[in-house]
C-alpha atoms as a PDB file:
ATOM      1  CA  UNK A   1     -43.895 -47.307   6.792  1.00  0.00           C
ATOM      2  CA  UNK A   2     -46.457 -44.575   7.175  1.00  0.00           C
ATOM      3  CA  UNK A   3     -46.426 -41.301   5.283  1.00  0.00           C
ATOM      4  CA  UNK A   4     -46.128 -39.344   8.555  1.00  0.00           C
ATOM      5  CA  UNK A   5     -42.755 -40.977   9.299  1.00  0.00           C
ATOM      6  CA  UNK A   6     -41.571 -40.454   5.745  1.00  0.00           C
ATOM      7  CA  UNK A   7     -42.388 -36.702   5.887  1.00  0.00           C
ATOM      8  CA  UNK A   8     -40.665 -36.421   9.296  1.00  0.00           C
ATOM      9  CA  UNK A   9     -37.540 -38.157   7.883  1.00  0.00           C
ATOM     10  CA  UNK A  10     -37.586 -35.758   4.870  1.00  0.00           C
ATOM     11  CA  UNK A  11     -37.918 -32.758   7.249  1.00  0.00           C
ATOM     12  CA  UNK A  12     -34.896 -34.009   9.232  1.00  0.00           C
ATOM     13  CA  UNK A  13     -32.802 -34.550   6.061  1.00  0.00           C
ATOM     14  CA  UNK A  14     -33.848 -31.104   4.768  1.00  0.00           C
ATOM     15  CA  UNK A  15     -32.874 -29.453   8.108  1.00  0.00           C
ATOM     16  CA  UNK A  16     -29.512 -31.203   8.174  1.00  0.00           C
ATOM     17  CA  UNK A  17     -28.814 -30.132   4.517  1.00  0.00           C
ATOM     18  CA  UNK A  18     -29.869 -26.583   5.262  1.00  0.00           C
ATOM     19  CA  UNK A  19     -27.644 -26.354   8.350  1.00  0.00           C
ATOM     20  CA  UNK A  20     -24.788 -28.040   6.447  1.00  0.00           C
ATOM     21  CA  UNK A  21     -25.176 -25.429   3.697  1.00  0.00           C
ATOM     22  CA  UNK A  22     -25.184 -22.564   6.175  1.00  0.00           C
ATOM     23  CA  UNK A  23     -22.109 -23.980   7.970  1.00  0.00           C
ATOM     24  CA  UNK A  24     -20.225 -24.326   4.607  1.00  0.00           C
ATOM     25  CA  UNK A  25     -21.141 -20.763   3.699  1.00  0.00           C
ATOM     26  CA  UNK A  26     -19.885 -19.435   7.097  1.00  0.00           C
ATOM     27  CA  UNK A  27     -16.674 -21.402   6.782  1.00  0.00           C
ATOM     28  CA  UNK A  28     -16.122 -19.971   3.305  1.00  0.00           C
ATOM     29  CA  UNK A  29     -16.789 -16.436   4.576  1.00  0.00           C
ATOM     30  CA  UNK A  30     -14.319 -17.019   7.402  1.00  0.00           C
ATOM     31  CA  UNK A  31     -11.627 -18.172   5.057  1.00  0.00           C
ATOM     32  CA  UNK A  32     -12.216 -15.138   2.815  1.00  0.00           C
ATOM     33  CA  UNK A  33     -11.888 -12.792   5.821  1.00  0.00           C
ATOM     34  CA  UNK A  34      -8.625 -14.416   6.858  1.00  0.00           C
ATOM     35  CA  UNK A  35      -7.154 -14.051   3.311  1.00  0.00           C
ATOM     36  CA  UNK A  36      -8.242 -10.371   3.188  1.00  0.00           C
ATOM     37  CA  UNK A  37      -6.637  -9.661   6.621  1.00  0.00           C
ATOM     38  CA  UNK A  38      -3.388 -11.228   5.524  1.00  0.00           C
ATOM     39  CA  UNK A  39      -3.364  -9.148   2.233  1.00  0.00           C
ATOM     40  CA  UNK A  40      -4.150  -6.073   4.254  1.00  0.00           C
ATOM     41  CA  UNK A  41      -1.252  -6.696   6.697  1.00  0.00           C
ATOM     42  CA  UNK A  42       1.120  -7.322   3.728  1.00  0.00           C
ATOM     43  CA  UNK A  43       0.098  -4.088   2.114  1.00  0.00           C
ATOM     44  CA  UNK A  44       1.014  -2.025   5.203  1.00  0.00           C
ATOM     45  CA  UNK A  45       4.179  -3.932   6.103  1.00  0.00           C
ATOM     46  CA  UNK A  46       7.117  -1.608   6.209  1.00  0.00           C
ATOM     47  CA  UNK A  47       9.774  -2.389   3.614  1.00  0.00           C
ATOM     48  CA  UNK A  48      12.107   0.452   4.522  1.00  0.00           C
ATOM     49  CA  UNK A  49      11.855   4.130   4.912  1.00  0.00           C
ATOM     50  CA  UNK A  50      12.508   7.497   3.279  1.00  0.00           C
ATOM     51  CA  UNK A  51      14.708   9.729   5.450  1.00  0.00           C
ATOM     52  CA  UNK A  52      14.733  13.535   5.074  1.00  0.00           C
ATOM     53  CA  UNK A  53      18.299  14.598   4.434  1.00  0.00           C
ATOM     54  CA  UNK A  54      17.766  18.256   3.691  1.00  0.00           C
ATOM     55  CA  UNK A  55      14.736  20.416   4.048  1.00  0.00           C
ATOM     56  CA  UNK A  56      14.209  24.195   4.096  1.00  0.00           C
ATOM     57  CA  UNK A  57      10.655  23.665   5.439  1.00  0.00           C
ATOM     58  CA  UNK A  58       9.973  24.364   9.078  1.00  0.00           C
ATOM     59  CA  UNK A  59       7.310  21.604   9.134  1.00  0.00           C
ATOM     60  CA  UNK A  60       9.681  18.902   7.858  1.00  0.00           C
ATOM     61  CA  UNK A  61      13.014  18.684   9.633  1.00  0.00           C
ATOM     62  CA  UNK A  62      16.051  16.702   8.591  1.00  0.00           C
ATOM     63  CA  UNK A  63      15.972  13.245  10.100  1.00  0.00           C
ATOM     64  CA  UNK A  64      12.191  12.850   9.731  1.00  0.00           C
ATOM     65  CA  UNK A  65      11.194   9.645   8.012  1.00  0.00           C
ATOM     66  CA  UNK A  66       8.355   8.101   6.118  1.00  0.00           C
ATOM     67  CA  UNK A  67       7.467   4.393   5.795  1.00  0.00           C
ATOM     68  CA  UNK A  68       8.264   2.740   2.510  1.00  0.00           C
ATOM     69  CA  UNK A  69       5.345   0.656   1.419  1.00  0.00           C
ATOM     70  CA  UNK A  70       4.937  -1.450  -1.723  1.00  0.00           C
ATOM     71  CA  UNK A  71       3.327   1.600  -3.318  1.00  0.00           C
ATOM     72  CA  UNK A  72       4.532   4.777  -1.711  1.00  0.00           C
ATOM     73  CA  UNK A  73       3.036   8.074  -2.959  1.00  0.00           C
ATOM     74  CA  UNK A  74       4.916  11.323  -2.529  1.00  0.00           C
ATOM     75  CA  UNK A  75       3.204  14.690  -2.605  1.00  0.00           C
ATOM     76  CA  UNK A  76       1.563  17.566  -0.894  1.00  0.00           C
ATOM     77  CA  UNK A  77      -1.843  15.763  -0.411  1.00  0.00           C
ATOM     78  CA  UNK A  78      -2.747  14.585   3.074  1.00  0.00           C
ATOM     79  CA  UNK A  79      -3.461  11.103   1.542  1.00  0.00           C
ATOM     80  CA  UNK A  80       0.155  10.710   0.280  1.00  0.00           C
ATOM     81  CA  UNK A  81       2.353   8.186   2.114  1.00  0.00           C
ATOM     82  CA  UNK A  82       5.059  10.874   2.336  1.00  0.00           C
ATOM     83  CA  UNK A  83       3.349  14.172   2.813  1.00  0.00           C
ATOM     84  CA  UNK A  84       5.664  17.035   1.868  1.00  0.00           C
ATOM     85  CA  UNK A  85       4.178  20.442   2.793  1.00  0.00           C
ATOM     86  CA  UNK A  86       5.906  22.525   0.096  1.00  0.00           C
ATOM     87  CA  UNK A  87       4.292  24.787  -2.473  1.00  0.00           C
ATOM     88  CA  UNK A  88       6.807  23.575  -5.023  1.00  0.00           C
ATOM     89  CA  UNK A  89       5.496  19.982  -4.600  1.00  0.00           C
ATOM     90  CA  UNK A  90       2.439  18.809  -6.527  1.00  0.00           C
ATOM     91  CA  UNK A  91      -0.502  17.237  -4.710  1.00  0.00           C
ATOM     92  CA  UNK A  92       0.397  13.939  -6.337  1.00  0.00           C
ATOM     93  CA  UNK A  93       4.034  14.386  -7.241  1.00  0.00           C
ATOM     94  CA  UNK A  94       5.781  11.102  -7.598  1.00  0.00           C
ATOM     95  CA  UNK A  95       5.314   7.379  -6.956  1.00  0.00           C
ATOM     96  CA  UNK A  96       7.700   4.815  -5.581  1.00  0.00           C
ATOM     97  CA  UNK A  97       6.679   1.167  -6.166  1.00  0.00           C
ATOM     98  CA  UNK A  98       8.071  -2.240  -5.798  1.00  0.00           C
ATOM     99  CA  UNK A  99       7.942  -4.373  -8.960  1.00  0.00           C
ATOM    100  CA  UNK A 100       9.493  -7.825  -9.240  1.00  0.00           C
ATOM    101  CA  UNK A 101      11.828  -7.181  -6.345  1.00  0.00           C
ATOM    102  CA  UNK A 102      13.074  -3.884  -7.730  1.00  0.00           C
ATOM    103  CA  UNK A 103      12.169  -0.359  -6.534  1.00  0.00           C
ATOM    104  CA  UNK A 104      11.102   2.147  -9.188  1.00  0.00           C
ATOM    105  CA  UNK A 105      10.306   5.879  -9.073  1.00  0.00           C
ATOM    106  CA  UNK A 106       8.177   7.694 -11.539  1.00  0.00           C
ATOM    107  CA  UNK A 107       7.202  11.334 -11.735  1.00  0.00           C
ATOM    108  CA  UNK A 108       3.484  11.903 -12.021  1.00  0.00           C
ATOM    109  CA  UNK A 109       3.707  14.771 -14.468  1.00  0.00           C
ATOM    110  CA  UNK A 110       4.526  17.177 -11.632  1.00  0.00           C
ATOM    111  CA  UNK A 111       5.077  20.836 -12.382  1.00  0.00           C
ATOM    112  CA  UNK A 112       8.601  21.113 -10.917  1.00  0.00           C
ATOM    113  CA  UNK A 113       9.799  17.556 -11.575  1.00  0.00           C
ATOM    114  CA  UNK A 114      11.499  14.809  -9.516  1.00  0.00           C
ATOM    115  CA  UNK A 115      15.277  14.173  -9.401  1.00  0.00           C
ATOM    116  CA  UNK A 116      17.019  10.936  -8.542  1.00  0.00           C
ATOM    117  CA  UNK A 117      20.676  11.559  -7.595  1.00  0.00           C
ATOM    118  CA  UNK A 118      20.551  15.050  -9.163  1.00  0.00           C
ATOM    119  CA  UNK A 119      19.206  13.696 -12.468  1.00  0.00           C
ATOM    120  CA  UNK A 120      15.658  14.653 -13.506  1.00  0.00           C
ATOM    121  CA  UNK A 121      13.334  11.641 -13.771  1.00  0.00           C
ATOM    122  CA  UNK A 122      11.489  11.582 -17.150  1.00  0.00           C
ATOM    123  CA  UNK A 123      10.238   7.995 -17.095  1.00  0.00           C
ATOM    124  CA  UNK A 124      10.235   5.172 -14.581  1.00  0.00           C
ATOM    125  CA  UNK A 125      13.779   4.724 -13.122  1.00  0.00           C
ATOM    126  CA  UNK A 126      15.182   1.988 -10.875  1.00  0.00           C
ATOM    127  CA  UNK A 127      16.047   3.045  -7.318  1.00  0.00           C
ATOM    128  CA  UNK A 128      18.765   1.568  -5.153  1.00  0.00           C
ATOM    129  CA  UNK A 129      19.349   1.744  -1.406  1.00  0.00           C
ATOM    130  CA  UNK A 130      21.073   5.090  -0.592  1.00  0.00           C
ATOM    131  CA  UNK A 131      19.799   6.935  -3.645  1.00  0.00           C
ATOM    132  CA  UNK A 132      18.638  10.492  -2.998  1.00  0.00           C
ATOM    133  CA  UNK A 133      15.289  11.674  -4.291  1.00  0.00           C
ATOM    134  CA  UNK A 134      14.730  15.410  -4.606  1.00  0.00           C
ATOM    135  CA  UNK A 135      11.183  16.715  -4.596  1.00  0.00           C
ATOM    136  CA  UNK A 136      10.703  20.491  -4.295  1.00  0.00           C
ATOM    137  CA  UNK A 137      13.031  21.790  -1.603  1.00  0.00           C
ATOM    138  CA  UNK A 138      13.339  18.367   0.098  1.00  0.00           C
ATOM    139  CA  UNK A 139      15.943  15.685  -0.331  1.00  0.00           C
ATOM    140  CA  UNK A 140      15.019  12.162   0.717  1.00  0.00           C
ATOM    141  CA  UNK A 141      17.315   9.168   1.037  1.00  0.00           C
ATOM    142  CA  UNK A 142      15.882   5.742   0.520  1.00  0.00           C
ATOM    143  CA  UNK A 143      16.751   3.018   3.082  1.00  0.00           C
ATOM    144  CA  UNK A 144      15.539  -0.419   2.275  1.00  0.00           C
ATOM    145  CA  UNK A 145      15.183  -3.092   4.938  1.00  0.00           C
END
């Protein structure tokens, strides 16, 4: 066998290996994108809602609701999941989060505090469906789906 044929065969093998490597790399990237898309969808899946029971704010009427996500932030900031436009509410006031199948609320060292069923929250407290959360001049009822 002449050296020209051997070099040609080596080039073919090298090209097949290179295309195989690129194909494997693209397949792995595709799998990673699919996993990230599923994780993103799960993060924004609604698990319930917070319904406004009472509010003295004109911008937030009774009956308005906010989606309940695995991590739900409550506060005056526009980036909060539940934005409450009240001067008595801190920018980042409280946090509702799902941990091991149980909902918990914690006050984020807010100036005016957070109440759960008329009791001030001083540390993480479990939340049940139907509980009432008071933040500033707004009362929110938690409804879990």
